[in-house]
Amino acid sequence: MFGTAPAKRRIMHLTFDRGSLLLSALPRAVHSSELPGVTWDYRVGAFRAPACHYAEIVRALRAQGVSFSDTVRDTRFSLGRVSPINLRDYQADALDAWERASRRGVIVLPTGSGKTRVAIAAIAAVGGAALCIVPTRALLDQWRDAIAATASLRVGCLGDGRSELEAVTVATYESALRHMHRIGACFQLLVVDEAHHFASGARDELLQMSIAPARLGLTATPPETEEPRQRLTQLLGPIVIQKNISDLAGSAHLAGFDRVLCRLQLTARERGEYERAVEPFNRLLSDFRRGPGRNARVRFSDIVCFAMSSAEGRAALAGWRRAKALLADTEGKRQALGKLLRQHRHARVLVFTADNDSAYGIARRELITPITCNIGRAERTAAIAAFASGRLRALVSSRVLNEGVDVPDADIAIIVGSTSGEREYVQRLGRLLRPVPGKRARIYELVTEDTTEVAQALKRARSIGKGATAMTREVCDVA
């Protein structure tokens, strides 16, 4: 009698499927709970995991002696050898710290200090296909040109109407998200510019759909609190090095600067309007803080939710908005700005406001060019080119110049209005600090006395670092 033939052993398969990993025929001896991110997908009768866990899953399977076929990697792109990139000392320190962290982590360096160059050096060090994602279309060409010029590489582009894949490709966040289901297995290195955008949990799937084991986040303004920092650590790795403006300003790497705080007064009419507008909100804030489990450090979004639950709260929030609008365009600020523009009429000046309406108002009064989100790319590019050549002496913007636009060298910044955020302040200050021999920049902050702007200015100063006090000079003679 012939015995029954033994059942043929099924081989486990690991494949890439539209931004995720499929684990088919997982051996019974392997518990899915021991594999990171793995869950059962009843739709296809197989286990599935986010693509970002690829390297961990492979290591875990090998450690357990599991035989499997692996067809995840898309090997169509080969980078080839890239010559080493010359780096400044702090840039080399940043790259070394990232290498020691197993090529996963976030590098924090000030705006204008050459974070892009560190990323190009990381691409050369990894020697594999790399995807660089950026938040805006304006940054696409800047990154593409920088990589091509520094490393002599052919660079692909996803975004702004282009769909070109190369061993090194630059993409906007939105375009990368649209294409990641088909390109998520192509790259060994993922570079994320302005990585703080991912600290809130938005767009997480973009980073989760990539198998890239090497990950580099770049930012000048990391999250301050623990929860968003942990989120970045999960997606990209921990902060491996952090330097602020005061660490580099005044050296060969960033220009020195003076921070001039201009303390201004409201007129009697403005003071009355401001107090009437803000008083209901102050009562609302006091009521909110007395709530159970509340402490001094709260998010503004929580206050807004609390306000929207009642008619009185909504009215208080509307009053707060009126107060903000009033402070954005006071008589004292109009006079101070006009005097400063005349005083620095031969310098290149950037004027920053809190909103587009203020920017357009200043543009009309002072006859300077506005740069806002409503300005088309061609017009914006022409204006910035004219500013670089000296044909335009000043630009005024609300938020567009904070991040994502390569502004030519400027000497003076005047902050007429802003949010309270330290991130915005660091980005604005960085527009001035690109190193030029003998340069010393100056940033004027127009702050209205006895209003919320005073506390905001003190908070912003902390973002500069330990040298903030020494770099600050207070004046009151501009109005």
Protein backbone atom coordinates (compact mmCIF):
# COMPACT_ATOMS: atom_id res chain seq x y z
CA MET A 1 0.00 0.00 0.00
CA PHE A 2 1.25 3.40 -0.89
CA GLY A 3 1.03 6.07 1.81
CA THR A 4 -0.78 9.36 1.31
CA ALA A 5 1.49 12.02 -0.24
CA PRO A 6 2.32 14.78 2.24
CA ALA A 7 0.51 18.08 1.68
CA LYS A 8 2.59 20.57 -0.21
CA ARG A 9 3.82 23.29 2.09
CA ARG A 10 2.62 26.74 1.13
CA ILE A 11 5.28 29.40 0.88
CA MET A 12 4.50 32.72 2.50
CA HIS A 13 4.48 35.72 0.13
CA LEU A 14 5.22 39.33 1.08
CA THR A 15 4.00 41.81 -1.54
CA PHE A 16 3.32 45.55 -1.94
CA ASP A 17 -0.34 46.35 -2.53
CA ARG A 18 -1.47 49.94 -3.08
CA GLY A 19 0.52 51.47 -0.25
CA SER A 20 0.34 48.52 2.11
CA LEU A 21 1.94 45.11 2.58
CA LEU A 22 0.14 41.82 2.02
CA LEU A 23 1.30 38.75 3.95
CA SER A 24 -0.18 35.68 2.24
CA ALA A 25 0.00 32.17 3.78
CA LEU A 26 1.47 33.34 7.08
CA PRO A 27 2.55 30.16 8.95
CA ARG A 28 0.33 29.22 11.88
CA ALA A 29 3.37 29.18 14.14
CA VAL A 30 3.82 32.92 13.62
CA HIS A 31 1.47 35.10 15.65
CA SER A 32 0.40 38.20 13.76
CA SER A 33 0.51 40.16 17.03
CA GLU A 34 4.29 39.73 16.98
CA LEU A 35 4.54 41.56 13.64
CA PRO A 36 4.25 45.39 13.77
CA GLY A 37 1.09 46.84 12.28
CA VAL A 38 -0.24 43.51 10.97
CA THR A 39 -4.02 42.90 10.98
CA TRP A 40 -6.31 40.43 9.19
CA ASP A 41 -7.97 41.71 6.01
CA TYR A 42 -11.07 39.56 5.51
CA ARG A 43 -11.66 41.10 2.06
CA VAL A 44 -8.66 39.31 0.56
CA GLY A 45 -8.12 36.54 3.08
CA ALA A 46 -4.63 37.67 4.05
CA PHE A 47 -2.83 39.74 6.63
CA ARG A 48 -2.10 43.37 5.82
CA ALA A 49 0.18 46.07 7.32
CA PRO A 50 1.13 49.67 6.54
CA ALA A 51 4.07 49.75 4.14
CA CYS A 52 6.18 51.75 6.61
CA HIS A 53 6.61 48.57 8.71
CA TYR A 54 8.32 46.70 5.88
CA ALA A 55 11.85 46.59 7.33
CA GLU A 56 10.58 45.64 10.81
CA ILE A 57 8.40 42.85 9.47
CA VAL A 58 11.23 41.40 7.39
CA ARG A 59 13.53 41.43 10.44
CA ALA A 60 10.87 39.77 12.60
CA LEU A 61 10.18 37.02 10.06
CA ARG A 62 13.85 36.27 9.61
CA ALA A 63 14.38 36.19 13.37
CA GLN A 64 11.68 33.51 13.60
CA GLY A 65 13.22 31.49 10.77
CA VAL A 66 10.24 31.93 8.44
CA SER A 67 10.83 31.19 4.76
CA PHE A 68 9.06 33.66 2.50
CA SER A 69 9.21 35.20 -0.94
CA ASP A 70 9.64 38.97 -0.94
CA THR A 71 8.59 40.92 -4.03
CA VAL A 72 7.92 44.20 -2.24
CA ARG A 73 10.79 46.36 -3.51
CA ASP A 74 10.41 48.06 -6.86
CA THR A 75 13.98 48.13 -8.18
CA ARG A 76 13.42 50.06 -11.40
CA PHE A 77 15.53 53.00 -10.13
CA SER A 78 19.26 52.86 -9.47
CA LEU A 79 20.95 55.95 -8.11
CA GLY A 80 24.56 55.05 -8.77
CA ARG A 81 27.49 56.67 -7.06
CA VAL A 82 27.13 60.22 -5.81
CA SER A 83 30.21 62.22 -4.87
CA PRO A 84 30.40 63.21 -1.18
CA ILE A 85 28.89 66.61 -0.42
CA ASN A 86 30.98 69.26 1.34
CA LEU A 87 29.26 70.35 4.53
CA ARG A 88 29.74 73.01 7.18
CA ASP A 89 30.69 71.72 10.60
CA TYR A 90 27.17 71.86 12.07
CA GLN A 91 25.73 70.28 8.91
CA ALA A 92 28.22 67.43 9.19
CA ASP A 93 27.29 67.02 12.86
CA ALA A 94 23.63 66.81 11.86
CA LEU A 95 24.32 64.14 9.24
CA ASP A 96 26.45 62.14 11.68
CA ALA A 97 23.70 62.28 14.32
CA TRP A 98 21.18 61.00 11.78
CA GLU A 99 23.52 58.18 10.72
CA ARG A 100 24.02 57.15 14.37
CA ALA A 101 20.24 57.00 14.78
CA SER A 102 20.11 54.27 12.10
CA ARG A 103 19.19 56.80 9.42
CA ARG A 104 15.86 57.67 10.99
CA GLY A 105 15.28 61.03 12.59
CA VAL A 106 14.47 64.74 12.43
CA ILE A 107 17.11 67.44 12.02
CA VAL A 108 16.24 70.86 13.45
CA LEU A 109 18.21 73.77 11.97
CA PRO A 110 17.25 77.45 11.50
CA THR A 111 15.80 78.74 8.25
CA GLY A 112 18.62 79.70 5.90
CA SER A 113 21.20 77.36 7.46
CA GLY A 114 21.27 74.86 4.59
CA LYS A 115 18.97 72.00 5.58
CA THR A 116 18.54 71.09 1.91
CA ARG A 117 22.26 70.53 1.58
CA VAL A 118 22.19 68.12 4.54
CA ALA A 119 19.42 66.21 2.78
CA ILE A 120 21.48 65.96 -0.41
CA ALA A 121 24.39 64.61 1.63
CA ALA A 122 22.01 62.04 3.14
CA ILE A 123 20.96 60.97 -0.37
CA ALA A 124 24.62 60.50 -1.27
CA ALA A 125 25.28 58.55 1.94
CA VAL A 126 22.35 56.15 1.44
CA GLY A 127 23.18 55.66 -2.22
CA GLY A 128 19.66 54.49 -3.06
CA ALA A 129 16.56 55.94 -4.68
CA ALA A 130 15.17 58.90 -2.71
CA LEU A 131 11.84 60.70 -2.59
CA CYS A 132 11.89 64.28 -1.23
CA ILE A 133 8.47 65.68 -0.31
CA VAL A 134 7.82 69.40 0.18
CA PRO A 135 4.73 71.32 1.30
CA THR A 136 4.33 73.77 -1.60
CA ARG A 137 4.70 73.99 -5.36
CA ALA A 138 7.09 76.90 -4.87
CA LEU A 139 9.56 74.51 -3.23
CA LEU A 140 9.48 71.94 -6.05
CA ASP A 141 11.81 73.80 -8.38
CA GLN A 142 13.98 75.07 -5.52
CA TRP A 143 14.69 71.52 -4.35
CA ARG A 144 15.02 70.18 -7.87
CA ASP A 145 17.53 72.87 -8.84
CA ALA A 146 19.50 72.47 -5.59
CA ILE A 147 19.85 68.70 -5.98
CA ALA A 148 20.75 68.91 -9.65
CA ALA A 149 23.35 71.63 -9.06
CA THR A 150 24.91 70.13 -5.92
CA ALA A 151 24.95 66.44 -6.81
CA SER A 152 24.76 66.60 -10.64
CA LEU A 153 21.74 64.29 -10.63
CA ARG A 154 18.77 63.96 -12.91
CA VAL A 155 15.79 64.83 -10.71
CA GLY A 156 12.17 63.80 -11.20
CA CYS A 157 9.16 65.86 -10.23
CA LEU A 158 5.61 65.10 -9.06
CA GLY A 159 3.39 68.15 -8.82
CA ASP A 160 2.49 71.38 -10.56
CA GLY A 161 1.29 69.44 -13.61
CA ARG A 162 4.38 67.23 -13.88
CA SER A 163 4.70 63.49 -13.39
CA GLU A 164 8.33 62.49 -13.87
CA LEU A 165 9.89 59.72 -11.79
CA GLU A 166 13.66 59.38 -11.37
CA ALA A 167 15.99 57.76 -8.84
CA VAL A 168 15.75 61.08 -6.99
CA THR A 169 12.29 62.62 -7.19
CA VAL A 170 10.82 65.74 -5.58
CA ALA A 171 7.07 65.88 -4.92
CA THR A 172 4.58 68.07 -3.11
CA TYR A 173 2.78 66.47 -0.19
CA GLU A 174 -0.48 66.31 -2.12
CA SER A 175 1.02 64.86 -5.30
CA ALA A 176 3.02 62.29 -3.33
CA LEU A 177 -0.15 61.20 -1.54
CA ARG A 178 -1.99 60.77 -4.85
CA HIS A 179 0.83 58.64 -6.30
CA MET A 180 2.06 56.75 -3.24
CA HIS A 181 -0.13 53.73 -3.93
CA ARG A 182 2.07 53.00 -6.95
CA ILE A 183 5.46 54.47 -5.95
CA GLY A 184 5.58 53.60 -2.26
CA ALA A 185 7.94 50.67 -2.88
CA CYS A 186 10.35 52.53 -5.16
CA PHE A 187 12.46 54.47 -2.68
CA GLN A 188 14.94 53.59 0.04
CA LEU A 189 15.10 57.10 1.52
CA LEU A 190 12.22 59.43 2.32
CA VAL A 191 13.11 63.09 2.94
CA VAL A 192 10.38 65.26 4.46
CA ASP A 193 10.87 69.01 4.29
CA GLU A 194 9.05 71.15 6.90
CA ALA A 195 8.38 67.94 8.82
CA HIS A 196 6.44 69.72 11.58
CA HIS A 197 3.39 69.58 9.28
CA PHE A 198 3.10 65.88 10.14
CA ALA A 199 3.08 66.33 13.91
CA SER A 200 -0.70 66.78 14.11
CA GLY A 201 -1.62 63.46 12.52
CA ALA A 202 -2.72 65.04 9.23
CA ARG A 203 -1.57 63.20 6.10
CA ASP A 204 -0.11 60.36 8.18
CA GLU A 205 -1.05 57.89 5.46
CA LEU A 206 1.43 59.58 3.11
CA LEU A 207 4.37 58.47 5.26
CA GLN A 208 2.77 55.16 6.16
CA MET A 209 2.43 54.14 2.49
CA SER A 210 6.19 54.23 1.86
CA ILE A 211 8.46 51.27 2.60
CA ALA A 212 11.54 53.54 2.85
CA PRO A 213 13.58 52.34 5.84
CA ALA A 214 15.74 55.48 5.85
CA ARG A 215 13.77 58.61 6.83
CA LEU A 216 14.93 62.18 7.29
CA GLY A 217 12.74 65.00 8.56
CA LEU A 218 13.83 68.63 8.27
CA THR A 219 12.40 71.60 10.15
CA ALA A 220 13.36 74.86 11.82
CA THR A 221 10.40 74.68 14.18
CA PRO A 222 9.77 71.31 15.85
CA PRO A 223 6.64 70.75 17.94
CA GLU A 224 6.95 72.01 21.51
CA THR A 225 4.76 69.46 23.28
CA GLU A 226 5.26 65.76 23.85
CA GLU A 227 2.34 64.28 21.94
CA PRO A 228 3.21 65.75 18.51
CA ARG A 229 6.90 65.00 19.08
CA GLN A 230 6.00 61.37 19.68
CA ARG A 231 3.97 61.39 16.47
CA LEU A 232 6.99 62.58 14.48
CA THR A 233 9.14 59.95 16.19
CA GLN A 234 6.76 57.22 15.07
CA LEU A 235 6.67 58.42 11.47
CA LEU A 236 10.23 59.65 10.90
CA GLY A 237 12.33 59.04 13.99
CA PRO A 238 13.40 61.16 16.97
CA ILE A 239 14.93 64.64 16.86
CA VAL A 240 18.64 63.80 16.46
CA ILE A 241 20.06 67.32 16.60
CA GLN A 242 18.61 70.75 17.31
CA LYS A 243 20.19 74.16 16.85
CA ASN A 244 18.37 77.47 17.08
CA ILE A 245 19.04 80.89 15.64
CA SER A 246 21.21 82.12 18.51
CA ASP A 247 23.52 79.09 18.07
CA LEU A 248 24.49 80.15 14.54
CA ALA A 249 23.69 83.87 14.17
CA GLY A 250 26.67 86.18 13.82
CA SER A 251 28.92 83.41 12.51
CA ALA A 252 29.94 82.52 8.98
CA HIS A 253 26.76 80.45 8.77
CA LEU A 254 23.99 82.96 9.58
CA ALA A 255 24.09 86.74 9.55
CA GLY A 256 24.03 88.61 12.85
CA PHE A 257 20.92 90.60 13.64
CA ASP A 258 19.31 93.09 16.01
CA ARG A 259 15.77 92.64 17.25
CA VAL A 260 14.15 96.02 17.83
CA LEU A 261 10.91 96.03 19.82
CA CYS A 262 8.89 99.14 19.01
CA ARG A 263 6.35 99.79 21.78
CA LEU A 264 3.38 101.76 20.47
CA GLN A 265 0.21 103.25 21.98
CA LEU A 266 -3.43 103.09 20.97
CA THR A 267 -5.32 106.34 20.48
CA ALA A 268 -8.11 107.05 22.98
CA ARG A 269 -10.72 105.96 20.43
CA GLU A 270 -8.82 102.76 19.58
CA ARG A 271 -8.33 101.95 23.27
CA GLY A 272 -12.06 102.20 23.94
CA GLU A 273 -12.91 99.98 20.95
CA TYR A 274 -10.27 97.43 21.93
CA GLU A 275 -11.39 97.15 25.56
CA ARG A 276 -15.05 96.77 24.58
CA ALA A 277 -14.19 94.09 22.01
CA VAL A 278 -11.85 92.01 24.16
CA GLU A 279 -13.58 92.20 27.56
CA PRO A 280 -16.22 89.47 26.85
CA PHE A 281 -13.50 87.15 25.62
CA ASN A 282 -11.44 87.70 28.76
CA ARG A 283 -14.50 86.69 30.84
CA LEU A 284 -14.96 83.64 28.65
CA LEU A 285 -11.31 82.66 29.10
CA SER A 286 -11.62 83.02 32.87
CA ASP A 287 -14.71 80.79 32.89
CA PHE A 288 -12.92 78.23 30.72
CA ARG A 289 -9.90 78.03 32.99
CA ARG A 290 -12.12 77.42 36.03
CA GLY A 291 -13.47 74.27 34.39
CA PRO A 292 -12.56 70.85 35.83
CA GLY A 293 -9.14 69.52 34.85
CA ARG A 294 -8.09 72.78 33.19
CA ASN A 295 -4.64 74.29 33.62
CA ALA A 296 -2.74 77.34 32.46
CA ARG A 297 -1.45 75.61 29.29
CA VAL A 298 -4.44 75.10 27.00
CA ARG A 299 -4.87 74.99 23.24
CA PHE A 300 -6.70 77.83 21.55
CA SER A 301 -8.76 75.26 19.63
CA ASP A 302 -10.14 74.02 22.97
CA ILE A 303 -11.19 77.57 23.88
CA VAL A 304 -12.91 77.95 20.50
CA CYS A 305 -14.87 74.71 21.05
CA PHE A 306 -15.89 75.94 24.49
CA ALA A 307 -16.98 79.33 23.04
CA MET A 308 -19.03 77.80 20.24
CA SER A 309 -21.24 75.95 22.74
CA SER A 310 -23.17 79.11 23.70
CA ALA A 311 -24.44 82.32 22.14
CA GLU A 312 -22.42 84.35 24.66
CA GLY A 313 -19.29 82.41 23.78
CA ARG A 314 -19.79 82.96 20.05
CA ALA A 315 -20.27 86.69 20.67
CA ALA A 316 -17.09 86.78 22.78
CA LEU A 317 -15.16 85.04 20.01
CA ALA A 318 -16.45 87.57 17.47
CA GLY A 319 -15.26 90.36 19.78
CA TRP A 320 -11.82 88.76 19.99
CA ARG A 321 -11.64 88.77 16.19
CA ARG A 322 -12.60 92.46 16.10
CA ALA A 323 -9.84 93.22 18.60
CA LYS A 324 -7.30 91.34 16.48
CA ALA A 325 -8.40 93.24 13.38
CA LEU A 326 -8.07 96.56 15.21
CA LEU A 327 -4.52 95.75 16.39
CA ALA A 328 -3.51 94.79 12.86
CA ASP A 329 -3.96 98.34 11.59
CA THR A 330 -3.63 100.99 14.30
CA GLU A 331 -2.76 104.63 13.83
CA GLY A 332 0.51 104.08 15.70
CA LYS A 333 1.52 101.21 13.43
CA ARG A 334 0.71 103.16 10.28
CA GLN A 335 2.91 106.06 11.41
CA ALA A 336 5.72 103.80 12.62
CA LEU A 337 5.77 101.75 9.41
CA GLY A 338 5.87 104.83 7.23
CA LYS A 339 8.77 106.25 9.22
CA LEU A 340 10.73 102.99 9.12
CA LEU A 341 10.24 102.59 5.37
CA ARG A 342 11.55 106.14 4.83
CA GLN A 343 14.44 105.52 7.23
CA HIS A 344 15.44 102.36 5.32
CA ARG A 345 14.50 103.51 1.82
CA HIS A 346 17.81 102.25 0.40
CA ALA A 347 17.60 98.81 2.02
CA ARG A 348 15.65 95.75 0.92
CA VAL A 349 12.72 95.44 3.31
CA LEU A 350 10.20 92.67 4.02
CA VAL A 351 6.99 93.74 5.77
CA PHE A 352 4.95 91.00 7.48
CA THR A 353 1.31 91.28 8.48
CA ALA A 354 -1.24 89.02 10.16
CA ASP A 355 -3.69 88.78 7.25
CA ASN A 356 -4.20 89.60 3.59
CA ASP A 357 -6.44 92.63 4.22
CA SER A 358 -3.66 94.30 6.21
CA ALA A 359 -1.12 93.45 3.52
CA TYR A 360 -3.23 95.02 0.79
CA GLY A 361 -3.91 98.09 2.93
CA ILE A 362 -0.17 98.64 3.47
CA ALA A 363 0.50 98.02 -0.22
CA ARG A 364 -1.94 100.78 -1.19
CA ARG A 365 -0.73 103.30 1.41
CA GLU A 366 3.00 102.76 0.98
CA LEU A 367 3.00 101.80 -2.72
CA ILE A 368 4.86 98.54 -2.19
CA THR A 369 4.18 95.18 -3.83
CA PRO A 370 2.02 92.62 -1.97
CA ILE A 371 2.77 88.90 -1.98
CA THR A 372 -0.30 86.94 -0.88
CA CYS A 373 -1.96 83.61 -1.63
CA ASN A 374 -4.10 85.45 -4.20
CA ILE A 375 -1.05 86.41 -6.28
CA GLY A 376 -0.37 83.99 -9.13
CA ARG A 377 2.93 82.16 -9.38
CA ALA A 378 4.16 84.07 -12.44
CA GLU A 379 3.42 87.45 -10.82
CA ARG A 380 4.96 86.36 -7.55
CA THR A 381 8.10 85.09 -9.30
CA ALA A 382 8.45 88.37 -11.19
CA ALA A 383 8.04 90.40 -8.00
CA ILE A 384 10.65 88.37 -6.12
CA ALA A 385 13.06 88.66 -9.05
CA ALA A 386 12.57 92.44 -9.07
CA PHE A 387 13.20 92.50 -5.31
CA ALA A 388 16.41 90.49 -5.81
CA SER A 389 17.67 92.87 -8.49
CA GLY A 390 16.87 95.97 -6.43
CA ARG A 391 14.12 97.25 -8.76
CA LEU A 392 11.66 96.75 -5.89
CA ARG A 393 12.78 97.99 -2.49
CA ALA A 394 10.11 96.31 -0.39
CA LEU A 395 7.56 93.50 -0.31
CA VAL A 396 4.60 93.06 2.03
CA SER A 397 3.11 89.66 2.84
CA SER A 398 0.88 87.95 5.35
CA ARG A 399 1.95 84.30 5.37
CA VAL A 400 3.19 83.35 1.90
CA LEU A 401 6.79 84.37 2.62
CA ASN A 402 6.88 82.52 5.97
CA GLU A 403 7.58 79.15 4.42
CA GLY A 404 8.17 77.65 1.02
CA VAL A 405 9.40 80.69 -0.94
CA ASP A 406 13.08 81.31 -1.49
CA VAL A 407 13.30 85.02 -0.77
CA PRO A 408 16.43 86.82 -1.95
CA ASP A 409 18.71 88.44 0.58
CA ALA A 410 16.92 91.12 2.59
CA ASP A 411 18.32 93.52 5.19
CA ILE A 412 15.28 94.64 7.17
CA ALA A 413 12.09 92.95 8.33
CA ILE A 414 9.18 94.84 9.86
CA ILE A 415 6.55 92.76 11.65
CA VAL A 416 3.37 94.79 11.72
CA GLY A 417 1.20 91.87 12.78
CA SER A 418 1.52 88.15 13.35
CA THR A 419 0.09 85.18 15.14
CA SER A 420 1.43 84.32 18.56
CA GLY A 421 3.20 81.28 17.19
CA GLU A 422 6.94 80.93 17.62
CA ARG A 423 7.07 78.86 14.42
CA GLU A 424 5.93 81.76 12.27
CA TYR A 425 8.44 84.10 13.92
CA VAL A 426 11.41 81.78 13.36
CA GLN A 427 10.45 81.36 9.71
CA ARG A 428 10.14 85.10 9.20
CA LEU A 429 13.42 85.84 10.90
CA GLY A 430 15.10 83.21 8.76
CA ARG A 431 14.24 85.23 5.65
CA LEU A 432 16.86 87.78 6.77
CA LEU A 433 19.73 85.67 7.98
CA ARG A 434 21.31 84.17 4.89
CA PRO A 435 25.02 84.89 5.35
CA VAL A 436 26.60 87.78 3.48
CA PRO A 437 30.04 89.14 4.45
CA GLY A 438 29.68 92.12 6.79
CA LYS A 439 25.89 91.88 6.96
CA ARG A 440 23.92 92.61 10.11
CA ALA A 441 20.18 92.31 9.68
CA ARG A 442 17.52 94.08 11.70
CA ILE A 443 14.00 92.98 12.59
CA TYR A 444 11.49 95.49 13.90
CA GLU A 445 8.44 94.29 15.83
CA LEU A 446 5.60 96.79 16.15
CA VAL A 447 3.92 95.93 19.45
CA THR A 448 0.96 97.77 20.98
CA GLU A 449 1.27 98.41 24.72
CA ASP A 450 -1.30 96.99 27.15
CA THR A 451 -2.66 94.46 24.65
CA THR A 452 -2.17 90.76 23.96
CA GLU A 453 0.67 91.68 21.58
CA VAL A 454 3.06 92.25 24.49
CA ALA A 455 2.78 88.69 25.79
CA GLN A 456 3.02 87.36 22.24
CA ALA A 457 6.24 89.29 21.64
CA LEU A 458 7.79 87.87 24.82
CA LYS A 459 6.80 84.36 23.75
CA ARG A 460 8.29 84.86 20.28
CA ALA A 461 11.57 86.03 21.77
CA ARG A 462 12.03 82.66 23.45
CA SER A 463 12.09 80.97 20.05
CA ILE A 464 15.37 82.72 19.15
CA GLY A 465 17.22 80.95 21.93
CA LYS A 466 19.44 81.93 24.82
CA GLY A 467 20.83 85.01 23.06
CA ALA A 468 17.45 86.68 22.61
CA THR A 469 17.83 89.20 25.44
CA ALA A 470 21.26 90.36 24.32
CA MET A 471 20.02 90.80 20.77
CA THR A 472 16.95 92.84 21.71
CA ARG A 473 16.88 96.61 21.85
CA GLU A 474 13.68 98.43 22.78
CA VAL A 475 12.84 101.79 21.20
CA CYS A 476 9.78 104.00 21.39
CA ASP A 477 10.65 106.85 19.05
CA VAL A 478 9.32 105.55 15.71
CA ALA A 479 5.76 106.82 16.06
